[in-house]
N, C-alpha and C. Protein backbone atom coordinates (compact mmCIF):
# COMPACT_ATOMS: atom_id res chain seq x y z
N MET A 1 9.20 -3.39 -2.01
CA MET A 1 9.28 -4.73 -2.61
C MET A 1 9.53 -4.92 -4.10
N GLU A 2 10.20 -6.02 -4.29
CA GLU A 2 10.98 -6.13 -5.47
C GLU A 2 9.84 -6.04 -6.47
N PHE A 3 9.67 -5.70 -7.75
CA PHE A 3 8.99 -5.70 -8.93
C PHE A 3 8.83 -7.06 -9.36
N THR A 4 9.34 -8.31 -9.90
CA THR A 4 9.75 -9.30 -9.92
C THR A 4 8.56 -10.09 -9.18
N THR A 5 8.96 -9.58 -7.49
CA THR A 5 8.15 -10.40 -6.56
C THR A 5 6.52 -10.05 -6.53
N VAL A 6 6.28 -8.93 -6.72
CA VAL A 6 5.01 -8.35 -6.70
C VAL A 6 4.30 -9.06 -7.99
N LEU A 7 4.99 -9.09 -9.49
CA LEU A 7 4.13 -9.75 -10.42
C LEU A 7 4.04 -11.29 -10.33
N ILE A 8 5.00 -12.30 -9.70
CA ILE A 8 4.56 -13.58 -9.26
C ILE A 8 3.84 -13.59 -8.37
N MET A 9 3.88 -13.09 -7.20
CA MET A 9 2.72 -13.49 -6.02
C MET A 9 1.49 -12.71 -6.76
N ALA A 10 1.35 -11.76 -7.91
CA ALA A 10 -0.23 -11.56 -8.38
C ALA A 10 -0.56 -12.33 -9.21
N LEU A 11 0.62 -13.20 -10.10
CA LEU A 11 -0.10 -14.06 -10.81
C LEU A 11 -0.27 -15.57 -9.92
N LEU A 12 0.42 -15.83 -9.09
CA LEU A 12 -0.15 -17.25 -8.26
C LEU A 12 -0.84 -17.00 -7.86
N LEU A 13 -1.31 -16.07 -6.67
CA LEU A 13 -2.62 -15.53 -6.24
C LEU A 13 -4.04 -15.84 -7.35
N GLY A 14 -3.57 -15.24 -8.62
CA GLY A 14 -4.42 -15.11 -9.55
C GLY A 14 -4.96 -16.56 -10.10
N LEU A 15 -4.02 -17.19 -10.30
CA LEU A 15 -4.20 -18.79 -11.13
C LEU A 15 -5.19 -19.61 -9.55
N LYS A 16 -4.49 -19.20 -8.64
CA LYS A 16 -5.74 -20.13 -7.37
C LYS A 16 -6.70 -19.46 -7.25
N HIS A 17 -6.79 -17.99 -7.35
CA HIS A 17 -8.25 -17.65 -6.75
C HIS A 17 -9.47 -17.98 -7.94
N ALA A 18 -8.93 -17.96 -9.08
CA ALA A 18 -10.03 -18.93 -10.26
C ALA A 18 -10.85 -20.15 -9.65
N LEU A 19 -10.01 -20.94 -8.97
CA LEU A 19 -10.30 -21.96 -8.76
C LEU A 19 -11.18 -22.56 -7.63
N ASP A 20 -11.47 -21.21 -6.62
CA ASP A 20 -12.40 -21.10 -5.50
C ASP A 20 -13.77 -22.32 -5.92
N PRO A 21 -14.19 -23.05 -5.19
CA PRO A 21 -15.27 -23.42 -5.42
C PRO A 21 -16.48 -23.38 -5.94
N ASP A 22 -17.02 -21.82 -5.21
CA ASP A 22 -18.17 -20.82 -6.01
C ASP A 22 -17.66 -20.64 -7.40
N HIS A 23 -16.73 -20.40 -7.67
CA HIS A 23 -16.26 -20.14 -9.21
C HIS A 23 -16.33 -21.36 -9.82
N ILE A 24 -15.72 -22.33 -9.84
CA ILE A 24 -16.08 -23.68 -10.27
C ILE A 24 -17.29 -23.87 -10.50
N VAL A 25 -18.37 -24.11 -8.97
CA VAL A 25 -19.36 -24.41 -9.50
C VAL A 25 -20.10 -23.70 -10.47
N ALA A 26 -20.05 -22.18 -10.76
CA ALA A 26 -21.17 -21.28 -11.21
C ALA A 26 -20.96 -21.69 -12.71
N VAL A 27 -19.70 -21.41 -12.90
CA VAL A 27 -19.09 -21.51 -14.06
C VAL A 27 -19.02 -23.24 -14.97
N THR A 28 -19.39 -24.17 -14.21
CA THR A 28 -19.53 -25.60 -14.56
C THR A 28 -20.87 -25.61 -15.13
N THR A 29 -21.61 -24.96 -14.44
CA THR A 29 -23.32 -25.00 -14.46
C THR A 29 -23.43 -24.15 -15.87
N ILE A 30 -23.06 -22.94 -15.92
CA ILE A 30 -23.03 -22.47 -17.24
C ILE A 30 -22.31 -23.23 -18.40
N VAL A 31 -21.35 -24.28 -18.41
CA VAL A 31 -20.67 -24.65 -19.23
C VAL A 31 -21.54 -26.17 -19.63
N SER A 32 -21.78 -26.38 -18.62
CA SER A 32 -23.11 -27.86 -18.97
C SER A 32 -24.23 -27.46 -19.77
N GLN A 33 -24.37 -26.45 -19.81
CA GLN A 33 -25.29 -26.05 -21.17
C GLN A 33 -24.97 -25.49 -22.73
N LYS A 34 -23.76 -25.69 -22.69
CA LYS A 34 -23.07 -25.50 -23.69
C LYS A 34 -21.94 -26.48 -24.16
N LYS A 35 -22.24 -27.13 -25.51
CA LYS A 35 -22.06 -28.37 -25.89
C LYS A 35 -20.59 -28.22 -26.79
N LYS A 36 -20.46 -27.34 -27.06
CA LYS A 36 -18.93 -27.15 -27.64
C LYS A 36 -17.71 -26.62 -26.89
N ALA A 37 -16.56 -27.09 -27.29
CA ALA A 37 -15.48 -26.89 -26.44
C ALA A 37 -15.14 -25.30 -26.58
N ARG A 38 -14.86 -24.81 -27.85
CA ARG A 38 -14.50 -23.36 -27.76
C ARG A 38 -15.83 -22.65 -27.05
N PHE A 39 -17.14 -22.76 -27.02
CA PHE A 39 -17.91 -22.23 -26.09
C PHE A 39 -17.62 -22.66 -24.66
N SER A 40 -16.87 -23.36 -24.23
CA SER A 40 -16.62 -23.48 -22.61
C SER A 40 -15.35 -22.54 -22.74
N ALA A 41 -14.39 -22.43 -23.42
CA ALA A 41 -13.40 -21.38 -23.30
C ALA A 41 -14.04 -19.96 -23.38
N LEU A 42 -15.14 -19.84 -24.13
CA LEU A 42 -15.57 -18.55 -23.83
C LEU A 42 -16.06 -18.06 -22.62
N VAL A 43 -16.82 -19.01 -22.08
CA VAL A 43 -17.28 -19.33 -20.54
C VAL A 43 -16.17 -18.39 -19.84
N GLY A 44 -14.92 -19.18 -19.75
CA GLY A 44 -13.89 -18.90 -19.03
C GLY A 44 -13.70 -17.47 -19.14
N ALA A 45 -13.46 -17.06 -20.19
CA ALA A 45 -12.93 -16.19 -20.86
C ALA A 45 -13.81 -14.95 -20.52
N TRP A 46 -15.33 -14.98 -20.42
CA TRP A 46 -16.16 -13.84 -20.46
C TRP A 46 -16.11 -13.63 -18.66
N TRP A 47 -16.07 -14.98 -18.07
CA TRP A 47 -15.76 -14.98 -16.49
C TRP A 47 -14.81 -13.88 -16.19
N GLY A 48 -13.60 -14.29 -16.56
CA GLY A 48 -12.37 -13.46 -16.33
C GLY A 48 -12.45 -11.88 -16.72
N VAL A 49 -12.96 -11.78 -17.55
CA VAL A 49 -13.42 -10.32 -17.95
C VAL A 49 -14.01 -9.39 -17.11
N GLY A 50 -15.41 -10.40 -16.63
CA GLY A 50 -16.05 -9.78 -15.63
C GLY A 50 -15.25 -9.58 -14.51
N HIS A 51 -14.36 -10.58 -14.04
CA HIS A 51 -13.77 -10.52 -12.81
C HIS A 51 -13.00 -9.70 -12.53
N MET A 52 -12.02 -9.56 -13.90
CA MET A 52 -10.76 -8.46 -13.93
C MET A 52 -11.18 -7.32 -13.68
N THR A 53 -12.55 -7.03 -14.13
CA THR A 53 -13.02 -5.63 -14.35
C THR A 53 -13.43 -5.12 -12.93
N THR A 54 -13.78 -5.90 -12.10
CA THR A 54 -14.51 -5.59 -10.85
C THR A 54 -12.86 -5.21 -10.10
N ILE A 55 -12.39 -6.52 -9.84
CA ILE A 55 -10.86 -6.35 -9.53
C ILE A 55 -10.12 -4.98 -9.49
N VAL A 56 -10.33 -4.72 -10.73
CA VAL A 56 -9.01 -3.51 -11.29
C VAL A 56 -10.24 -2.24 -10.72
N LEU A 57 -11.54 -2.13 -10.86
CA LEU A 57 -11.55 -0.98 -10.27
C LEU A 57 -11.78 -0.73 -8.95
N ILE A 58 -12.51 -1.87 -8.23
CA ILE A 58 -12.65 -1.70 -6.57
C ILE A 58 -11.09 -1.29 -6.41
N GLY A 59 -10.09 -2.41 -6.48
CA GLY A 59 -8.82 -2.49 -6.04
C GLY A 59 -8.23 -1.09 -6.29
N SER A 60 -8.31 -0.18 -7.75
CA SER A 60 -8.01 0.80 -7.54
C SER A 60 -8.48 1.93 -6.61
N ALA A 61 -9.96 1.87 -6.54
CA ALA A 61 -10.85 2.72 -5.32
C ALA A 61 -10.18 2.40 -4.00
N ILE A 62 -9.65 1.58 -3.86
CA ILE A 62 -9.00 1.29 -2.35
C ILE A 62 -7.86 1.81 -2.60
N ILE A 63 -7.05 1.77 -3.47
CA ILE A 63 -5.71 2.05 -3.65
C ILE A 63 -5.38 3.90 -3.85
N TYR A 64 -6.45 4.11 -4.39
CA TYR A 64 -6.33 5.82 -4.62
C TYR A 64 -7.11 6.62 -3.86
N PHE A 65 -8.25 5.76 -3.37
CA PHE A 65 -9.24 6.75 -2.32
C PHE A 65 -9.37 6.21 -1.02
N ASN A 66 -8.76 5.29 -0.90
CA ASN A 66 -8.97 4.45 0.54
C ASN A 66 -10.15 3.71 0.80
N LEU A 67 -10.47 3.34 -0.14
CA LEU A 67 -12.12 2.93 0.12
C LEU A 67 -12.02 1.74 0.60
N LEU A 68 -13.47 1.83 1.88
CA LEU A 68 -13.21 0.67 2.64
C LEU A 68 -14.40 -0.24 2.69
N ILE A 69 -14.56 -1.42 2.54
CA ILE A 69 -15.64 -2.24 2.09
C ILE A 69 -15.91 -2.86 3.52
N SER A 70 -17.01 -3.12 4.28
CA SER A 70 -17.47 -3.55 5.68
C SER A 70 -17.97 -4.86 5.01
N HIS A 71 -17.65 -5.27 6.61
CA HIS A 71 -18.22 -6.87 6.59
C HIS A 71 -19.37 -7.08 6.39
N SER A 72 -20.21 -5.92 6.66
CA SER A 72 -21.81 -6.37 6.17
C SER A 72 -21.85 -6.36 4.92
N VAL A 73 -21.38 -5.48 4.11
CA VAL A 73 -21.36 -5.26 2.34
C VAL A 73 -20.69 -6.22 1.97
N GLU A 74 -19.66 -6.67 2.49
CA GLU A 74 -19.16 -8.20 2.24
C GLU A 74 -20.01 -9.46 2.17
N LYS A 75 -20.84 -9.30 3.41
CA LYS A 75 -21.93 -10.96 3.68
C LYS A 75 -22.74 -10.55 2.49
N LEU A 76 -23.01 -9.15 2.72
CA LEU A 76 -24.70 -9.33 1.58
C LEU A 76 -24.27 -9.75 -0.18
N LEU A 77 -22.87 -9.01 -0.59
CA LEU A 77 -22.15 -9.55 -2.05
C LEU A 77 -22.28 -11.25 -1.94
N GLU A 78 -21.24 -11.81 -1.02
CA GLU A 78 -21.72 -13.18 -0.99
C GLU A 78 -23.16 -13.97 -0.84
N GLY A 79 -23.94 -13.21 -0.17
CA GLY A 79 -24.96 -14.03 -0.39
C GLY A 79 -25.87 -13.83 -1.44
N ILE A 80 -25.56 -12.61 -2.28
CA ILE A 80 -25.81 -12.63 -3.81
C ILE A 80 -25.28 -13.77 -4.73
N VAL A 81 -23.96 -14.08 -4.05
CA VAL A 81 -23.35 -14.97 -4.99
C VAL A 81 -24.36 -16.26 -4.97
N GLY A 82 -24.49 -16.53 -3.42
CA GLY A 82 -25.01 -17.76 -3.26
C GLY A 82 -26.61 -18.18 -4.00
N ALA A 83 -27.15 -16.70 -3.97
CA ALA A 83 -28.47 -16.94 -4.92
C ALA A 83 -28.54 -17.47 -6.47
N MET A 84 -27.19 -16.33 -6.66
CA MET A 84 -26.88 -16.43 -8.07
C MET A 84 -26.60 -18.22 -8.28
N ILE A 85 -26.08 -18.66 -7.71
CA ILE A 85 -25.44 -20.20 -8.07
C ILE A 85 -26.88 -21.16 -7.64
N ILE A 86 -27.91 -20.79 -7.21
CA ILE A 86 -29.02 -21.60 -6.99
C ILE A 86 -30.08 -21.36 -8.18
N TYR A 87 -29.82 -19.98 -8.56
CA TYR A 87 -30.24 -19.97 -9.96
C TYR A 87 -29.96 -20.45 -11.07
N LEU A 88 -28.69 -20.26 -11.08
CA LEU A 88 -27.94 -21.14 -12.32
C LEU A 88 -28.42 -22.86 -12.35
N GLY A 89 -28.68 -23.54 -10.90
CA GLY A 89 -28.45 -24.54 -10.99
C GLY A 89 -29.83 -24.86 -11.33
N VAL A 90 -31.05 -23.96 -10.86
CA VAL A 90 -32.61 -24.35 -11.26
C VAL A 90 -32.78 -23.88 -12.76
N LYS A 91 -31.96 -23.13 -13.72
CA LYS A 91 -31.71 -23.16 -14.92
C LYS A 91 -31.37 -24.15 -15.51
N ALA A 92 -30.36 -24.43 -15.03
CA ALA A 92 -29.62 -25.59 -15.79
C ALA A 92 -30.86 -27.11 -15.98
N SER A 93 -31.40 -27.50 -14.24
CA SER A 93 -31.81 -28.72 -14.31
C SER A 93 -33.06 -28.76 -15.31
N TYR A 94 -33.75 -27.28 -15.86
CA TYR A 94 -35.19 -27.27 -16.27
C TYR A 94 -34.70 -26.71 -17.94
N SER A 95 -33.67 -26.34 -18.44
CA SER A 95 -33.60 -26.31 -19.67
C SER A 95 -33.47 -27.08 -20.57
N LEU A 96 -33.60 -28.36 -20.44
CA LEU A 96 -33.19 -29.53 -21.07
C LEU A 96 -34.35 -30.25 -21.26
N SER A 97 -35.43 -30.04 -21.56
CA SER A 97 -36.75 -30.84 -20.95
C SER A 97 -37.16 -31.72 -21.98
N THR A 98 -36.85 -31.12 -23.21
CA THR A 98 -37.27 -31.71 -24.63
C THR A 98 -35.93 -30.83 -25.20
N GLU A 99 -35.94 -32.17 -26.53
CA GLU A 99 -35.33 -31.56 -27.67
C GLU A 99 -35.57 -30.41 -28.06
N LYS A 100 -36.85 -30.01 -28.60
CA LYS A 100 -37.52 -28.98 -28.93
C LYS A 100 -37.35 -27.73 -28.00
N LYS A 101 -37.29 -27.66 -26.89
CA LYS A 101 -36.87 -26.59 -25.78
C LYS A 101 -35.38 -25.98 -26.24
N GLN A 102 -34.85 -27.48 -26.02
CA GLN A 102 -33.22 -27.25 -26.20
C GLN A 102 -33.02 -25.96 -27.46
N GLU A 103 -33.50 -26.45 -28.36
CA GLU A 103 -33.67 -25.59 -29.81
C GLU A 103 -33.56 -24.50 -29.36
N HIS A 104 -35.19 -24.03 -28.90
CA HIS A 104 -36.20 -22.89 -28.44
C HIS A 104 -34.95 -21.83 -27.38
N ALA A 105 -34.02 -22.61 -26.70
CA ALA A 105 -33.24 -21.86 -25.75
C ALA A 105 -32.08 -21.74 -26.42
N ALA A 106 -31.54 -22.33 -27.16
CA ALA A 106 -30.37 -21.90 -28.25
C ALA A 106 -30.71 -20.99 -29.21
N ASP A 107 -31.88 -20.91 -29.90
CA ASP A 107 -32.42 -19.56 -30.63
C ASP A 107 -32.23 -18.04 -29.66
N ARG A 108 -32.55 -17.98 -28.32
CA ARG A 108 -33.12 -16.96 -27.77
C ARG A 108 -31.62 -16.62 -27.11
N ASP A 109 -30.61 -17.81 -27.04
CA ASP A 109 -29.24 -17.48 -26.34
C ASP A 109 -28.30 -17.21 -27.26
N LYS A 110 -28.74 -17.29 -28.42
CA LYS A 110 -27.43 -17.09 -29.12
C LYS A 110 -26.62 -15.49 -29.46
N ASN A 111 -27.31 -14.61 -29.44
CA ASN A 111 -26.41 -13.44 -29.33
C ASN A 111 -26.31 -12.99 -27.60
N GLY A 112 -27.07 -13.61 -26.35
CA GLY A 112 -27.01 -13.11 -25.36
C GLY A 112 -26.22 -13.65 -24.31
N TRP A 113 -25.98 -15.14 -24.68
CA TRP A 113 -25.58 -15.93 -23.86
C TRP A 113 -24.64 -15.52 -22.94
N MET A 114 -23.28 -15.31 -23.58
CA MET A 114 -22.16 -14.48 -23.34
C MET A 114 -22.52 -13.61 -21.58
N LEU A 115 -23.87 -12.85 -22.09
CA LEU A 115 -23.49 -12.20 -20.54
C LEU A 115 -23.69 -12.78 -19.29
N ARG A 116 -24.20 -14.15 -19.03
CA ARG A 116 -24.02 -14.74 -18.40
C ARG A 116 -22.94 -14.89 -17.70
N PRO A 117 -22.01 -15.33 -18.40
CA PRO A 117 -20.63 -15.34 -17.37
C PRO A 117 -20.14 -14.43 -17.36
N LEU A 118 -20.43 -12.93 -18.05
CA LEU A 118 -20.01 -11.89 -17.67
C LEU A 118 -20.24 -11.32 -16.61
N ILE A 119 -21.81 -11.79 -16.13
CA ILE A 119 -22.45 -11.16 -14.86
C ILE A 119 -22.06 -11.89 -14.18
N VAL A 120 -21.76 -13.31 -14.24
CA VAL A 120 -21.16 -14.07 -12.69
C VAL A 120 -19.79 -13.61 -12.31
N GLY A 121 -18.69 -13.71 -13.41
CA GLY A 121 -17.88 -12.81 -13.06
C GLY A 121 -17.59 -11.44 -12.37
N LEU A 122 -18.42 -10.61 -12.95
CA LEU A 122 -18.70 -9.13 -11.87
C LEU A 122 -18.85 -9.35 -10.62
N LEU A 123 -20.10 -10.21 -10.38
CA LEU A 123 -20.22 -10.37 -8.74
C LEU A 123 -19.64 -11.02 -8.07
N HIS A 124 -18.51 -12.46 -8.81
CA HIS A 124 -17.76 -13.27 -7.77
C HIS A 124 -16.62 -11.95 -7.81
N GLY A 125 -16.07 -11.12 -8.77
CA GLY A 125 -15.07 -9.88 -8.21
C GLY A 125 -15.66 -8.92 -7.11
N LEU A 126 -16.91 -8.49 -7.09
CA LEU A 126 -17.44 -7.75 -6.18
C LEU A 126 -17.28 -8.57 -4.87
N ALA A 127 -17.56 -9.60 -4.76
CA ALA A 127 -17.56 -10.59 -3.30
C ALA A 127 -16.82 -11.09 -2.89
N GLY A 128 -15.83 -12.03 -3.91
CA GLY A 128 -15.12 -12.71 -2.92
C GLY A 128 -13.31 -12.46 -3.03
N SER A 129 -13.45 -11.72 -3.89
CA SER A 129 -11.86 -10.66 -3.98
C SER A 129 -11.22 -10.12 -2.94
N THR A 130 -11.68 -9.63 -2.14
CA THR A 130 -11.60 -8.46 -1.20
C THR A 130 -10.41 -9.14 -0.17
N GLY A 131 -10.60 -10.10 -0.14
CA GLY A 131 -9.48 -10.44 1.26
C GLY A 131 -8.50 -11.12 0.28
N VAL A 132 -8.54 -12.14 -0.52
CA VAL A 132 -7.58 -12.75 -1.33
C VAL A 132 -6.59 -11.62 -2.33
N ALA A 133 -7.48 -10.57 -2.52
CA ALA A 133 -6.63 -9.98 -3.85
C ALA A 133 -5.59 -8.86 -3.33
N TYR A 134 -6.57 -8.09 -2.49
CA TYR A 134 -6.40 -6.98 -2.07
C TYR A 134 -5.96 -6.75 -0.14
N LEU A 135 -5.68 -7.98 0.31
CA LEU A 135 -4.85 -8.12 1.22
C LEU A 135 -3.01 -7.67 1.20
N PHE A 136 -2.86 -8.58 0.10
CA PHE A 136 -1.45 -8.07 -0.38
C PHE A 136 -1.38 -6.73 -0.73
N LEU A 137 -1.94 -5.68 -1.07
CA LEU A 137 -1.76 -4.31 -1.42
C LEU A 137 -1.04 -3.64 -0.51
N SER A 138 -1.29 -4.36 1.14
CA SER A 138 -0.72 -3.23 2.23
C SER A 138 0.73 -3.52 2.14
N THR A 139 1.44 -4.39 1.44
CA THR A 139 2.53 -4.53 1.47
C THR A 139 3.06 -3.65 0.25
N ILE A 140 2.48 -2.85 -0.51
CA ILE A 140 2.75 -2.25 -2.10
C ILE A 140 2.78 -0.50 -1.42
N ASP A 141 3.89 -0.08 -1.29
CA ASP A 141 3.65 1.44 -1.07
C ASP A 141 3.62 1.77 -2.56
N ASP A 142 3.76 1.70 -3.40
CA ASP A 142 3.74 2.40 -4.60
C ASP A 142 2.43 2.40 -5.36
N LYS A 143 1.41 3.38 -5.53
CA LYS A 143 0.15 3.24 -6.21
C LYS A 143 0.22 2.69 -7.72
N TYR A 144 0.89 2.87 -8.23
CA TYR A 144 1.41 2.56 -9.57
C TYR A 144 1.74 0.83 -9.74
N MET A 145 2.80 0.36 -9.04
CA MET A 145 2.62 -1.18 -8.82
C MET A 145 1.33 -1.58 -7.92
N GLY A 146 0.82 -1.15 -7.44
CA GLY A 146 -0.18 -1.71 -6.88
C GLY A 146 -1.44 -2.22 -8.08
N LEU A 147 -1.47 -0.93 -8.86
CA LEU A 147 -2.46 -1.10 -9.73
C LEU A 147 -1.63 -2.33 -10.86
N LEU A 148 -0.45 -2.47 -11.15
CA LEU A 148 -0.08 -3.53 -12.18
C LEU A 148 -0.07 -4.94 -11.10
N TYR A 149 -0.04 -4.90 -9.96
CA TYR A 149 -0.83 -6.15 -8.86
C TYR A 149 -1.73 -6.70 -9.30
N LEU A 150 -3.15 -5.70 -9.55
CA LEU A 150 -4.34 -5.98 -9.85
C LEU A 150 -4.70 -6.21 -11.40
N LEU A 151 -3.83 -5.93 -12.14
CA LEU A 151 -3.72 -6.08 -13.58
C LEU A 151 -3.48 -7.77 -13.64
N VAL A 152 -1.94 -7.81 -13.14
CA VAL A 152 -1.56 -9.01 -12.89
C VAL A 152 -2.61 -9.83 -12.44
N PHE A 153 -2.81 -10.08 -11.28
CA PHE A 153 -3.86 -10.80 -10.32
C PHE A 153 -5.30 -11.27 -11.40
N GLY A 154 -5.90 -9.91 -11.84
CA GLY A 154 -7.15 -10.34 -12.98
C GLY A 154 -6.68 -10.96 -13.88
N ALA A 155 -5.36 -11.09 -14.77
CA ALA A 155 -5.34 -11.62 -15.64
C ALA A 155 -4.87 -13.08 -15.37
N GLY A 156 -4.17 -13.36 -14.56
CA GLY A 156 -4.05 -14.77 -13.76
C GLY A 156 -5.36 -15.56 -13.52
N THR A 157 -6.17 -14.53 -12.97
CA THR A 157 -7.71 -15.19 -12.98
C THR A 157 -8.12 -16.03 -13.91
N LEU A 158 -8.15 -14.59 -15.23
CA LEU A 158 -8.70 -15.21 -16.81
C LEU A 158 -7.90 -16.31 -17.11
N LEU A 159 -6.88 -16.52 -16.93
CA LEU A 159 -6.00 -17.45 -17.45
C LEU A 159 -6.79 -18.75 -16.91
N SER A 160 -6.20 -18.96 -16.13
CA SER A 160 -6.67 -20.16 -15.19
C SER A 160 -7.96 -20.55 -15.33
N MET A 161 -9.42 -19.53 -15.15
CA MET A 161 -10.75 -19.93 -15.72
C MET A 161 -10.54 -20.40 -16.91
N VAL A 162 -10.15 -19.95 -18.27
CA VAL A 162 -10.07 -20.09 -19.01
C VAL A 162 -9.60 -21.86 -19.62
N LEU A 163 -8.56 -22.01 -19.16
CA LEU A 163 -8.18 -23.53 -18.90
C LEU A 163 -9.13 -24.57 -18.26
N ALA A 164 -9.54 -23.99 -17.03
CA ALA A 164 -10.47 -24.85 -16.22
C ALA A 164 -11.41 -25.50 -16.84
N THR A 165 -12.18 -24.33 -17.28
CA THR A 165 -13.39 -24.27 -18.47
C THR A 165 -13.23 -25.43 -19.54
N ILE A 166 -12.25 -24.86 -20.32
CA ILE A 166 -11.56 -26.02 -21.26
C ILE A 166 -11.85 -27.33 -20.79
N LEU A 167 -11.40 -27.57 -19.80
CA LEU A 167 -11.35 -29.28 -19.25
C LEU A 167 -12.95 -29.42 -18.80
N ILE A 168 -13.32 -28.86 -17.76
CA ILE A 168 -14.84 -28.50 -17.71
C ILE A 168 -15.76 -29.23 -18.89
N GLY A 169 -15.29 -28.52 -19.76
CA GLY A 169 -15.80 -28.71 -20.90
C GLY A 169 -16.20 -30.10 -21.35
N MET A 170 -15.12 -30.64 -21.46
CA MET A 170 -15.15 -32.12 -22.60
C MET A 170 -16.02 -32.98 -21.69
N PRO A 171 -16.25 -33.13 -20.83
CA PRO A 171 -17.21 -34.46 -20.56
C PRO A 171 -18.62 -33.85 -20.97
N TYR A 172 -19.05 -32.59 -20.88
CA TYR A 172 -20.22 -32.06 -21.97
C TYR A 172 -20.39 -32.03 -23.18
N SER A 173 -18.99 -31.85 -23.91
CA SER A 173 -19.08 -32.28 -25.33
C SER A 173 -18.75 -33.29 -25.61
N TRP A 174 -18.40 -34.23 -25.05
CA TRP A 174 -18.78 -36.15 -25.42
C TRP A 174 -19.87 -36.50 -25.00
N ALA A 175 -21.10 -36.02 -24.02
CA ALA A 175 -22.37 -36.16 -23.71
C ALA A 175 -23.01 -35.68 -24.87
N SER A 176 -23.03 -34.66 -25.60
CA SER A 176 -23.65 -33.88 -26.55
C SER A 176 -24.16 -35.06 -27.34
N ASP A 177 -23.57 -35.92 -27.93
CA ASP A 177 -23.95 -36.73 -29.02
C ASP A 177 -24.91 -37.69 -28.52
N HIS A 178 -25.11 -37.66 -27.32
CA HIS A 178 -26.05 -38.80 -26.26
C HIS A 178 -27.15 -38.14 -25.45
N LYS A 179 -28.20 -38.18 -26.37
CA LYS A 179 -29.64 -37.56 -25.68
C LYS A 179 -29.34 -37.81 -24.07
N ARG A 180 -29.81 -38.62 -23.99
CA ARG A 180 -30.05 -39.49 -22.72
C ARG A 180 -29.15 -38.80 -21.45
N LEU A 181 -28.02 -38.94 -21.73
CA LEU A 181 -26.77 -38.95 -21.20
C LEU A 181 -26.25 -37.36 -20.79
N ASN A 182 -26.63 -36.62 -21.90
CA ASN A 182 -26.52 -34.94 -21.98
C ASN A 182 -27.59 -35.01 -21.02
N LEU A 183 -28.79 -35.56 -21.03
CA LEU A 183 -30.01 -34.60 -20.13
C LEU A 183 -29.70 -35.02 -18.41
N LEU A 184 -28.72 -36.54 -18.38
CA LEU A 184 -28.72 -36.70 -17.37
C LEU A 184 -27.72 -35.62 -16.81
N LEU A 185 -26.21 -35.56 -17.32
CA LEU A 185 -25.41 -34.95 -16.97
C LEU A 185 -25.78 -33.27 -16.62
N THR A 186 -26.29 -32.95 -17.59
CA THR A 186 -26.51 -31.71 -17.23
C THR A 186 -27.73 -30.98 -16.62
N ARG A 187 -28.86 -32.17 -15.75
CA ARG A 187 -29.52 -31.94 -14.44
C ARG A 187 -28.91 -32.00 -13.52
N SER A 188 -27.83 -33.43 -13.25
CA SER A 188 -27.33 -33.58 -12.52
C SER A 188 -26.50 -32.39 -11.96
N THR A 189 -25.55 -31.60 -12.81
CA THR A 189 -25.50 -30.48 -12.98
C THR A 189 -26.03 -29.35 -12.03
N GLY A 190 -26.93 -29.22 -12.57
CA GLY A 190 -27.81 -28.35 -11.98
C GLY A 190 -28.23 -28.50 -10.48
N ILE A 191 -28.61 -29.82 -10.28
CA ILE A 191 -29.04 -30.04 -9.00
C ILE A 191 -27.84 -30.19 -7.82
N LEU A 192 -26.76 -30.31 -8.49
CA LEU A 192 -25.41 -30.22 -7.31
C LEU A 192 -25.14 -28.89 -7.56
N SER A 193 -25.46 -27.60 -8.28
CA SER A 193 -25.14 -26.29 -8.06
C SER A 193 -26.42 -26.15 -7.18
N VAL A 194 -27.80 -26.30 -7.07
CA VAL A 194 -28.48 -26.08 -6.04
C VAL A 194 -28.00 -26.06 -4.90
N ILE A 195 -27.70 -27.35 -4.51
CA ILE A 195 -27.42 -27.91 -3.31
C ILE A 195 -25.99 -26.77 -2.66
N PHE A 196 -25.15 -26.80 -3.86
CA PHE A 196 -23.85 -26.01 -3.07
C PHE A 196 -24.71 -24.47 -2.59
N GLY A 197 -24.95 -24.18 -3.49
CA GLY A 197 -25.66 -22.72 -3.37
C GLY A 197 -26.54 -22.62 -2.09
N ILE A 198 -27.08 -23.68 -1.95
CA ILE A 198 -27.95 -23.60 -0.62
C ILE A 198 -27.03 -23.70 0.52
N TYR A 199 -25.80 -24.50 0.49
CA TYR A 199 -25.09 -24.85 1.73
C TYR A 199 -24.12 -23.39 1.52
N TYR A 200 -23.69 -22.90 0.71
CA TYR A 200 -22.76 -21.41 0.75
C TYR A 200 -23.29 -20.87 0.82
N LEU A 201 -24.94 -20.61 0.92
CA LEU A 201 -25.71 -19.39 1.19
C LEU A 201 -25.78 -19.68 3.03
N CYS A 202 -26.10 -20.69 3.57
CA CYS A 202 -26.39 -20.77 5.01
C CYS A 202 -24.89 -20.60 5.21
N GLU A 203 -24.12 -20.96 4.90
CA GLU A 203 -22.59 -20.46 5.55
C GLU A 203 -22.54 -19.14 5.52
N ILE A 204 -22.85 -18.71 4.84
CA ILE A 204 -22.44 -17.04 4.80
C ILE A 204 -23.47 -16.12 5.72
N LEU A 205 -24.96 -17.05 6.07
CA LEU A 205 -25.92 -16.24 6.98
C LEU A 205 -25.73 -16.32 8.13
N PHE A 206 -25.05 -17.66 8.42
CA PHE A 206 -25.22 -17.96 9.91
C PHE A 206 -24.08 -18.72 10.24
N LEU A 207 -23.05 -18.75 9.35
CA LEU A 207 -21.39 -19.22 10.00
C LEU A 207 -20.38 -18.42 9.94
N SER A 208 -20.85 -17.30 9.08
CA SER A 208 -19.68 -16.29 8.82
C SER A 208 -19.80 -15.10 9.88
């Protein structure tokens, strides 16, 4: 397969993959608790770094060591993602009870908040990327070309998620100056995240 074709396919698949519903719901729930546009972009960037890390590591193991991921393991990882989305929703729903709690939460989260999107990205990379990212690897004979494909795919997801979180963060940034609207919007996002997480978890456990 031609070098240019591999790069284009990797980039397009990466851009598309970042916009999967479970990815968007998870980062939106995190962004809803950050009221500045720059924080929204950083949420997307840290998610992309986490996602890209597991894509490259596991993908390299598949390429060089013929690693196989069983369906039961994939299902378990997807179930963990569903539980994580529910947790994020619950956290968002109760994190803005009062202005005082907001201030305390901000102080506690000042230095460690970026770990949340990083961990979410790592889990998403473990759970949902096998079929999307690695199916194309079977058409690539050269191992170094396969590694390049993974890197470009990961870069595409990172870029797409940064752009997505910037757009997602706009209404939350605007609502931050309106206390009641801010509370309503953030809690509503949390509740919707919990509902989606339950649906996602049930789909994984009973329909897949």
